[in-house]
Amino acid sequence: MTCEYTYIKRPDDWGVYASGKGMDVEFSGQVTGQDDKSRLTITMKLLPRGLLQLLKPFIKGSFQRNEVKNLANIKAHMEGSVEAHS
């Protein structure tokens, strides 16, 4: 996929458009403060084309499971945890 940042509002808000062979994806990210902590919110919109449109529910589920793992690894790394989730 080719990724292009569509907007950046430093330091806490951004958007990315990823274009691929059979599907495009719109991402946005936002960091907000909560007391003495930060919250990262990632939103992803799948835009499948052709036959992939029929598989969208399965693709969505797969993406969601992978992103939960990815975000857990990011959190563990940011918090200096010895063991990241896989």
PDB file of N, CA and C in Angstrom:
ATOM      1  N   MET A   1       0.834  -1.182   0.000  1.00  0.00           N
ATOM      2  CA  MET A   1       0.000   0.000   0.000  1.00  0.00           C
ATOM      3  C   MET A   1       0.877   1.243   0.000  1.00  0.00           C
ATOM      4  N   THR A   2       0.387   2.259  -0.654  1.00  0.00           N
ATOM      5  CA  THR A   2       1.032   3.565  -0.626  1.00  0.00           C
ATOM      6  C   THR A   2       0.254   4.443   0.346  1.00  0.00           C
ATOM      7  N   CYS A   3       0.954   5.025   1.309  1.00  0.00           N
ATOM      8  CA  CYS A   3       0.309   5.837   2.343  1.00  0.00           C
ATOM      9  C   CYS A   3       0.629   7.313   2.142  1.00  0.00           C
ATOM     10  N   GLU A   4      -0.384   8.144   2.326  1.00  0.00           N
ATOM     11  CA  GLU A   4      -0.221   9.592   2.200  1.00  0.00           C
ATOM     12  C   GLU A   4      -0.909  10.272   3.389  1.00  0.00           C
ATOM     13  N   TYR A   5      -0.144  11.099   4.082  1.00  0.00           N
ATOM     14  CA  TYR A   5      -0.753  11.878   5.163  1.00  0.00           C
ATOM     15  C   TYR A   5      -1.661  12.927   4.535  1.00  0.00           C
ATOM     16  N   THR A   6      -2.927  12.938   4.952  1.00  0.00           N
ATOM     17  CA  THR A   6      -3.888  13.877   4.385  1.00  0.00           C
ATOM     18  C   THR A   6      -3.996  15.147   5.229  1.00  0.00           C
ATOM     19  N   TYR A   7      -3.677  15.033   6.504  1.00  0.00           N
ATOM     20  CA  TYR A   7      -3.598  16.216   7.365  1.00  0.00           C
ATOM     21  C   TYR A   7      -2.786  15.879   8.604  1.00  0.00           C
ATOM     22  N   ILE A   8      -2.151  16.880   9.133  1.00  0.00           N
ATOM     23  CA  ILE A   8      -1.425  16.761  10.395  1.00  0.00           C
ATOM     24  C   ILE A   8      -1.708  18.033  11.184  1.00  0.00           C
ATOM     25  N   LYS A   9      -2.275  17.859  12.350  1.00  0.00           N
ATOM     26  CA  LYS A   9      -2.508  18.975  13.273  1.00  0.00           C
ATOM     27  C   LYS A   9      -1.672  18.681  14.511  1.00  0.00           C
ATOM     28  N   ARG A  10      -0.444  19.147  14.457  1.00  0.00           N
ATOM     29  CA  ARG A  10       0.485  18.857  15.559  1.00  0.00           C
ATOM     30  C   ARG A  10      -0.022  19.412  16.861  1.00  0.00           C
ATOM     31  N   PRO A  11       0.208  18.725  17.928  1.00  0.00           N
ATOM     32  CA  PRO A  11       0.945  17.461  18.051  1.00  0.00           C
ATOM     33  C   PRO A  11       0.036  16.258  18.218  1.00  0.00           C
ATOM     34  N   ASP A  12      -1.277  16.415  18.010  1.00  0.00           N
ATOM     35  CA  ASP A  12      -2.146  15.338  18.482  1.00  0.00           C
ATOM     36  C   ASP A  12      -3.219  14.824  17.523  1.00  0.00           C
ATOM     37  N   ASP A  13      -3.163  15.175  16.250  1.00  0.00           N
ATOM     38  CA  ASP A  13      -4.233  14.776  15.340  1.00  0.00           C
ATOM     39  C   ASP A  13      -3.675  14.603  13.937  1.00  0.00           C
ATOM     40  N   TRP A  14      -3.994  13.493  13.266  1.00  0.00           N
ATOM     41  CA  TRP A  14      -3.478  13.264  11.921  1.00  0.00           C
ATOM     42  C   TRP A  14      -4.398  12.314  11.150  1.00  0.00           C
ATOM     43  N   GLY A  15      -4.263  12.345   9.844  1.00  0.00           N
ATOM     44  CA  GLY A  15      -5.020  11.457   8.968  1.00  0.00           C
ATOM     45  C   GLY A  15      -4.115  10.887   7.895  1.00  0.00           C
ATOM     46  N   VAL A  16      -4.406   9.668   7.494  1.00  0.00           N
ATOM     47  CA  VAL A  16      -3.613   8.977   6.479  1.00  0.00           C
ATOM     48  C   VAL A  16      -4.572   8.282   5.519  1.00  0.00           C
ATOM     49  N   TYR A  17      -4.264   8.350   4.233  1.00  0.00           N
ATOM     50  CA  TYR A  17      -5.014   7.619   3.210  1.00  0.00           C
ATOM     51  C   TYR A  17      -4.055   6.605   2.597  1.00  0.00           C
ATOM     52  N   ALA A  18      -4.416   5.336   2.697  1.00  0.00           N
ATOM     53  CA  ALA A  18      -3.571   4.269   2.158  1.00  0.00           C
ATOM     54  C   ALA A  18      -4.268   3.664   0.955  1.00  0.00           C
ATOM     55  N   SER A  19      -3.555   3.619  -0.154  1.00  0.00           N
ATOM     56  CA  SER A  19      -4.121   3.112  -1.399  1.00  0.00           C
ATOM     57  C   SER A  19      -3.440   1.805  -1.778  1.00  0.00           C
ATOM     58  N   GLY A  20      -4.251   0.784  -2.007  1.00  0.00           N
ATOM     59  CA  GLY A  20      -3.713  -0.521  -2.376  1.00  0.00           C
ATOM     60  C   GLY A  20      -4.368  -1.053  -3.633  1.00  0.00           C
ATOM     61  N   LYS A  21      -3.944  -2.235  -4.040  1.00  0.00           N
ATOM     62  CA  LYS A  21      -4.431  -2.821  -5.290  1.00  0.00           C
ATOM     63  C   LYS A  21      -5.946  -3.045  -5.286  1.00  0.00           C
ATOM     64  N   GLY A  22      -6.469  -3.648  -4.211  1.00  0.00           N
ATOM     65  CA  GLY A  22      -7.897  -3.942  -4.192  1.00  0.00           C
ATOM     66  C   GLY A  22      -8.674  -3.204  -3.126  1.00  0.00           C
ATOM     67  N   MET A  23      -7.962  -2.385  -2.344  1.00  0.00           N
ATOM     68  CA  MET A  23      -8.648  -1.713  -1.250  1.00  0.00           C
ATOM     69  C   MET A  23      -7.864  -0.483  -0.822  1.00  0.00           C
ATOM     70  N   ASP A  24      -8.598   0.557  -0.467  1.00  0.00           N
ATOM     71  CA  ASP A  24      -8.018   1.747   0.144  1.00  0.00           C
ATOM     72  C   ASP A  24      -8.460   1.763   1.607  1.00  0.00           C
ATOM     73  N   VAL A  25      -7.708   2.479   2.427  1.00  0.00           N
ATOM     74  CA  VAL A  25      -8.028   2.577   3.843  1.00  0.00           C
ATOM     75  C   VAL A  25      -7.797   4.014   4.294  1.00  0.00           C
ATOM     76  N   GLU A  26      -8.761   4.563   5.020  1.00  0.00           N
ATOM     77  CA  GLU A  26      -8.614   5.884   5.631  1.00  0.00           C
ATOM     78  C   GLU A  26      -8.343   5.678   7.122  1.00  0.00           C
ATOM     79  N   PHE A  27      -7.259   6.268   7.612  1.00  0.00           N
ATOM     80  CA  PHE A  27      -6.905   6.198   9.023  1.00  0.00           C
ATOM     81  C   PHE A  27      -6.953   7.605   9.599  1.00  0.00           C
ATOM     82  N   SER A  28      -7.311   7.700  10.868  1.00  0.00           N
ATOM     83  CA  SER A  28      -7.106   8.952  11.588  1.00  0.00           C
ATOM     84  C   SER A  28      -6.649   8.588  12.992  1.00  0.00           C
ATOM     85  N   GLY A  29      -5.859   9.461  13.565  1.00  0.00           N
ATOM     86  CA  GLY A  29      -5.355   9.241  14.909  1.00  0.00           C
ATOM     87  C   GLY A  29      -5.473  10.504  15.718  1.00  0.00           C
ATOM     88  N   GLN A  30      -5.725  10.323  17.000  1.00  0.00           N
ATOM     89  CA  GLN A  30      -5.844  11.479  17.884  1.00  0.00           C
ATOM     90  C   GLN A  30      -5.339  11.084  19.263  1.00  0.00           C
ATOM     91  N   VAL A  31      -4.540  11.969  19.847  1.00  0.00           N
ATOM     92  CA  VAL A  31      -4.055  11.791  21.215  1.00  0.00           C
ATOM     93  C   VAL A  31      -4.710  12.852  22.077  1.00  0.00           C
ATOM     94  N   THR A  32      -5.352  12.417  23.152  1.00  0.00           N
ATOM     95  CA  THR A  32      -5.999  13.339  24.075  1.00  0.00           C
ATOM     96  C   THR A  32      -5.494  13.067  25.495  1.00  0.00           C
ATOM     97  N   GLY A  33      -5.490  14.098  26.309  1.00  0.00           N
ATOM     98  CA  GLY A  33      -5.068  13.955  27.690  1.00  0.00           C
ATOM     99  C   GLY A  33      -6.210  13.518  28.572  1.00  0.00           C
ATOM    100  N   GLN A  34      -5.912  12.629  29.505  1.00  0.00           N
ATOM    101  CA  GLN A  34      -6.878  12.196  30.499  1.00  0.00           C
ATOM    102  C   GLN A  34      -6.159  12.164  31.838  1.00  0.00           C
ATOM    103  N   ASP A  35      -6.440  13.140  32.675  1.00  0.00           N
ATOM    104  CA  ASP A  35      -5.739  13.294  33.946  1.00  0.00           C
ATOM    105  C   ASP A  35      -4.242  13.379  33.669  1.00  0.00           C
ATOM    106  N   ASP A  36      -3.464  12.456  34.211  1.00  0.00           N
ATOM    107  CA  ASP A  36      -2.019  12.475  33.995  1.00  0.00           C
ATOM    108  C   ASP A  36      -1.595  11.470  32.930  1.00  0.00           C
ATOM    109  N   LYS A  37      -2.566  10.971  32.152  1.00  0.00           N
ATOM    110  CA  LYS A  37      -2.293   9.962  31.124  1.00  0.00           C
ATOM    111  C   LYS A  37      -2.701  10.497  29.756  1.00  0.00           C
ATOM    112  N   SER A  38      -2.335   9.738  28.739  1.00  0.00           N
ATOM    113  CA  SER A  38      -2.731  10.070  27.368  1.00  0.00           C
ATOM    114  C   SER A  38      -3.555   8.933  26.792  1.00  0.00           C
ATOM    115  N   ARG A  39      -4.478   9.290  25.915  1.00  0.00           N
ATOM    116  CA  ARG A  39      -5.317   8.286  25.246  1.00  0.00           C
ATOM    117  C   ARG A  39      -5.104   8.416  23.742  1.00  0.00           C
ATOM    118  N   LEU A  40      -4.812   7.295  23.102  1.00  0.00           N
ATOM    119  CA  LEU A  40      -4.638   7.233  21.655  1.00  0.00           C
ATOM    120  C   LEU A  40      -5.883   6.609  21.047  1.00  0.00           C
ATOM    121  N   THR A  41      -6.523   7.331  20.124  1.00  0.00           N
ATOM    122  CA  THR A  41      -7.697   6.818  19.422  1.00  0.00           C
ATOM    123  C   THR A  41      -7.348   6.703  17.946  1.00  0.00           C
ATOM    124  N   ILE A  42      -7.501   5.505  17.411  1.00  0.00           N
ATOM    125  CA  ILE A  42      -7.240   5.246  15.996  1.00  0.00           C
ATOM    126  C   ILE A  42      -8.563   4.843  15.343  1.00  0.00           C
ATOM    127  N   THR A  43      -8.898   5.485  14.241  1.00  0.00           N
ATOM    128  CA  THR A  43     -10.094   5.148  13.485  1.00  0.00           C
ATOM    129  C   THR A  43      -9.665   4.704  12.091  1.00  0.00           C
ATOM    130  N   MET A  44     -10.281   3.617  11.622  1.00  0.00           N
ATOM    131  CA  MET A  44      -9.909   3.073  10.327  1.00  0.00           C
ATOM    132  C   MET A  44     -11.191   2.799   9.529  1.00  0.00           C
ATOM    133  N   LYS A  45     -11.214   3.261   8.296  1.00  0.00           N
ATOM    134  CA  LYS A  45     -12.355   3.021   7.412  1.00  0.00           C
ATOM    135  C   LYS A  45     -11.850   2.236   6.207  1.00  0.00           C
ATOM    136  N   LEU A  46     -12.375   1.025   6.030  1.00  0.00           N
ATOM    137  CA  LEU A  46     -11.978   0.181   4.899  1.00  0.00           C
ATOM    138  C   LEU A  46     -12.802   0.535   3.674  1.00  0.00           C
ATOM    139  N   LEU A  47     -12.131   0.644   2.537  1.00  0.00           N
ATOM    140  CA  LEU A  47     -12.785   0.989   1.269  1.00  0.00           C
ATOM    141  C   LEU A  47     -12.413  -0.050   0.208  1.00  0.00           C
ATOM    142  N   PRO A  48     -12.953  -1.284   0.337  1.00  0.00           N
ATOM    143  CA  PRO A  48     -12.621  -2.332  -0.627  1.00  0.00           C
ATOM    144  C   PRO A  48     -13.271  -2.071  -1.984  1.00  0.00           C
ATOM    145  N   ARG A  49     -12.621  -2.601  -3.010  1.00  0.00           N
ATOM    146  CA  ARG A  49     -13.144  -2.489  -4.375  1.00  0.00           C
ATOM    147  C   ARG A  49     -13.368  -3.890  -4.946  1.00  0.00           C
ATOM    148  N   GLY A  50     -14.239  -3.964  -5.919  1.00  0.00           N
ATOM    149  CA  GLY A  50     -14.468  -5.220  -6.627  1.00  0.00           C
ATOM    150  C   GLY A  50     -14.959  -6.326  -5.698  1.00  0.00           C
ATOM    151  N   LEU A  51     -14.423  -7.526  -5.894  1.00  0.00           N
ATOM    152  CA  LEU A  51     -14.851  -8.680  -5.115  1.00  0.00           C
ATOM    153  C   LEU A  51     -14.517  -8.553  -3.630  1.00  0.00           C
ATOM    154  N   LEU A  52     -13.538  -7.743  -3.300  1.00  0.00           N
ATOM    155  CA  LEU A  52     -13.187  -7.561  -1.889  1.00  0.00           C
ATOM    156  C   LEU A  52     -14.329  -6.933  -1.095  1.00  0.00           C
ATOM    157  N   GLN A  53     -15.245  -6.257  -1.781  1.00  0.00           N
ATOM    158  CA  GLN A  53     -16.396  -5.680  -1.083  1.00  0.00           C
ATOM    159  C   GLN A  53     -17.203  -6.780  -0.401  1.00  0.00           C
ATOM    160  N   LEU A  54     -17.271  -7.960  -1.027  1.00  0.00           N
ATOM    161  CA  LEU A  54     -18.009  -9.077  -0.447  1.00  0.00           C
ATOM    162  C   LEU A  54     -17.329  -9.619   0.803  1.00  0.00           C
ATOM    163  N   LEU A  55     -16.028  -9.452   0.875  1.00  0.00           N
ATOM    164  CA  LEU A  55     -15.249  -9.973   2.007  1.00  0.00           C
ATOM    165  C   LEU A  55     -15.044  -8.943   3.116  1.00  0.00           C
ATOM    166  N   LYS A  56     -15.630  -7.774   2.971  1.00  0.00           N
ATOM    167  CA  LYS A  56     -15.389  -6.691   3.924  1.00  0.00           C
ATOM    168  C   LYS A  56     -15.609  -7.100   5.387  1.00  0.00           C
ATOM    169  N   PRO A  57     -16.684  -7.822   5.731  1.00  0.00           N
ATOM    170  CA  PRO A  57     -16.860  -8.196   7.148  1.00  0.00           C
ATOM    171  C   PRO A  57     -15.695  -9.032   7.683  1.00  0.00           C
ATOM    172  N   PHE A  58     -15.161  -9.930   6.880  1.00  0.00           N
ATOM    173  CA  PHE A  58     -14.047 -10.774   7.307  1.00  0.00           C
ATOM    174  C   PHE A  58     -12.746  -9.976   7.390  1.00  0.00           C
ATOM    175  N   ILE A  59     -12.551  -9.108   6.404  1.00  0.00           N
ATOM    176  CA  ILE A  59     -11.346  -8.259   6.393  1.00  0.00           C
ATOM    177  C   ILE A  59     -11.366  -7.335   7.602  1.00  0.00           C
ATOM    178  N   LYS A  60     -12.536  -6.760   7.880  1.00  0.00           N
ATOM    179  CA  LYS A  60     -12.678  -5.846   9.017  1.00  0.00           C
ATOM    180  C   LYS A  60     -12.320  -6.551  10.323  1.00  0.00           C
ATOM    181  N   GLY A  61     -12.840  -7.754  10.515  1.00  0.00           N
ATOM    182  CA  GLY A  61     -12.544  -8.516  11.730  1.00  0.00           C
ATOM    183  C   GLY A  61     -11.060  -8.813  11.870  1.00  0.00           C
ATOM    184  N   SER A  62     -10.435  -9.180  10.767  1.00  0.00           N
ATOM    185  CA  SER A  62      -9.004  -9.463  10.780  1.00  0.00           C
ATOM    186  C   SER A  62      -8.194  -8.216  11.121  1.00  0.00           C
ATOM    187  N   PHE A  63      -8.534  -7.099  10.500  1.00  0.00           N
ATOM    188  CA  PHE A  63      -7.850  -5.830  10.775  1.00  0.00           C
ATOM    189  C   PHE A  63      -8.016  -5.450  12.244  1.00  0.00           C
ATOM    190  N   GLN A  64      -9.228  -5.590  12.780  1.00  0.00           N
ATOM    191  CA  GLN A  64      -9.481  -5.209  14.169  1.00  0.00           C
ATOM    192  C   GLN A  64      -8.651  -6.050  15.131  1.00  0.00           C
ATOM    193  N   ARG A  65      -8.593  -7.359  14.908  1.00  0.00           N
ATOM    194  CA  ARG A  65      -7.785  -8.229  15.783  1.00  0.00           C
ATOM    195  C   ARG A  65      -6.317  -7.847  15.728  1.00  0.00           C
ATOM    196  N   ASN A  66      -5.816  -7.575  14.538  1.00  0.00           N
ATOM    197  CA  ASN A  66      -4.411  -7.203  14.397  1.00  0.00           C
ATOM    198  C   ASN A  66      -4.126  -5.853  15.045  1.00  0.00           C
ATOM    199  N   GLU A  67      -5.034  -4.911  14.910  1.00  0.00           N
ATOM    200  CA  GLU A  67      -4.809  -3.588  15.494  1.00  0.00           C
ATOM    201  C   GLU A  67      -4.837  -3.632  17.019  1.00  0.00           C
ATOM    202  N   VAL A  68      -5.680  -4.478  17.592  1.00  0.00           N
ATOM    203  CA  VAL A  68      -5.689  -4.624  19.051  1.00  0.00           C
ATOM    204  C   VAL A  68      -4.316  -5.102  19.522  1.00  0.00           C
ATOM    205  N   LYS A  69      -3.740  -6.080  18.813  1.00  0.00           N
ATOM    206  CA  LYS A  69      -2.402  -6.573  19.153  1.00  0.00           C
ATOM    207  C   LYS A  69      -1.351  -5.485  18.948  1.00  0.00           C
ATOM    208  N   ASN A  70      -1.439  -4.776  17.830  1.00  0.00           N
ATOM    209  CA  ASN A  70      -0.463  -3.715  17.544  1.00  0.00           C
ATOM    210  C   ASN A  70      -0.496  -2.626  18.611  1.00  0.00           C
ATOM    211  N   LEU A  71      -1.684  -2.191  18.985  1.00  0.00           N
ATOM    212  CA  LEU A  71      -1.805  -1.128  19.979  1.00  0.00           C
ATOM    213  C   LEU A  71      -1.348  -1.595  21.359  1.00  0.00           C
ATOM    214  N   ALA A  72      -1.583  -2.872  21.693  1.00  0.00           N
ATOM    215  CA  ALA A  72      -1.089  -3.408  22.961  1.00  0.00           C
ATOM    216  C   ALA A  72       0.441  -3.406  22.969  1.00  0.00           C
ATOM    217  N   ASN A  73       1.054  -3.739  21.840  1.00  0.00           N
ATOM    218  CA  ASN A  73       2.512  -3.710  21.744  1.00  0.00           C
ATOM    219  C   ASN A  73       3.053  -2.288  21.853  1.00  0.00           C
ATOM    220  N   ILE A  74       2.377  -1.340  21.220  1.00  0.00           N
ATOM    221  CA  ILE A  74       2.795   0.057  21.314  1.00  0.00           C
ATOM    222  C   ILE A  74       2.712   0.519  22.767  1.00  0.00           C
ATOM    223  N   LYS A  75       1.597   0.203  23.435  1.00  0.00           N
ATOM    224  CA  LYS A  75       1.422   0.604  24.832  1.00  0.00           C
ATOM    225  C   LYS A  75       2.509  -0.007  25.707  1.00  0.00           C
ATOM    226  N   ALA A  76       2.773  -1.294  25.547  1.00  0.00           N
ATOM    227  CA  ALA A  76       3.798  -1.959  26.348  1.00  0.00           C
ATOM    228  C   ALA A  76       5.164  -1.317  26.119  1.00  0.00           C
ATOM    229  N   HIS A  77       5.450  -1.005  24.871  1.00  0.00           N
ATOM    230  CA  HIS A  77       6.735  -0.372  24.553  1.00  0.00           C
ATOM    231  C   HIS A  77       6.827   1.022  25.176  1.00  0.00           C
ATOM    232  N   MET A  78       5.752   1.793  25.056  1.00  0.00           N
ATOM    233  CA  MET A  78       5.755   3.149  25.592  1.00  0.00           C
ATOM    234  C   MET A  78       5.882   3.149  27.118  1.00  0.00           C
ATOM    235  N   GLU A  79       5.285   2.151  27.754  1.00  0.00           N
ATOM    236  CA  GLU A  79       5.337   2.067  29.209  1.00  0.00           C
ATOM    237  C   GLU A  79       6.594   1.373  29.708  1.00  0.00           C
ATOM    238  N   GLY A  80       7.444   0.934  28.777  1.00  0.00           N
ATOM    239  CA  GLY A  80       8.696   0.290  29.171  1.00  0.00           C
ATOM    240  C   GLY A  80       8.513  -1.107  29.703  1.00  0.00           C
ATOM    241  N   SER A  81       7.408  -1.737  29.328  1.00  0.00           N
ATOM    242  CA  SER A  81       7.152  -3.107  29.783  1.00  0.00           C
ATOM    243  C   SER A  81       8.182  -4.042  29.179  1.00  0.00           C
ATOM    244  N   VAL A  82       8.617  -5.013  29.971  1.00  0.00           N
ATOM    245  CA  VAL A  82       9.617  -5.966  29.511  1.00  0.00           C
ATOM    246  C   VAL A  82       9.039  -6.884  28.455  1.00  0.00           C
ATOM    247  N   GLU A  83       7.777  -7.286  28.640  1.00  0.00           N
ATOM    248  CA  GLU A  83       7.174  -8.260  27.756  1.00  0.00           C
ATOM    249  C   GLU A  83       6.039  -7.619  26.954  1.00  0.00           C
ATOM    250  N   ALA A  84       6.186  -7.576  25.637  1.00  0.00           N
ATOM    251  CA  ALA A  84       5.129  -7.043  24.769  1.00  0.00           C
ATOM    252  C   ALA A  84       4.162  -8.158  24.427  1.00  0.00           C
ATOM    253  N   HIS A  85       2.917  -7.798  24.093  1.00  0.00           N
ATOM    254  CA  HIS A  85       1.908  -8.766  23.690  1.00  0.00           C
ATOM    255  C   HIS A  85       2.105  -9.123  22.230  1.00  0.00           C
ATOM    256  N   SER A  86       1.906 -10.398  21.900  1.00  0.00           N
ATOM    257  CA  SER A  86       2.032 -10.807  20.490  1.00  0.00           C
ATOM    258  C   SER A  86       0.784 -11.421  19.966  1.00  0.00           C
TER     259      SER A  86
END
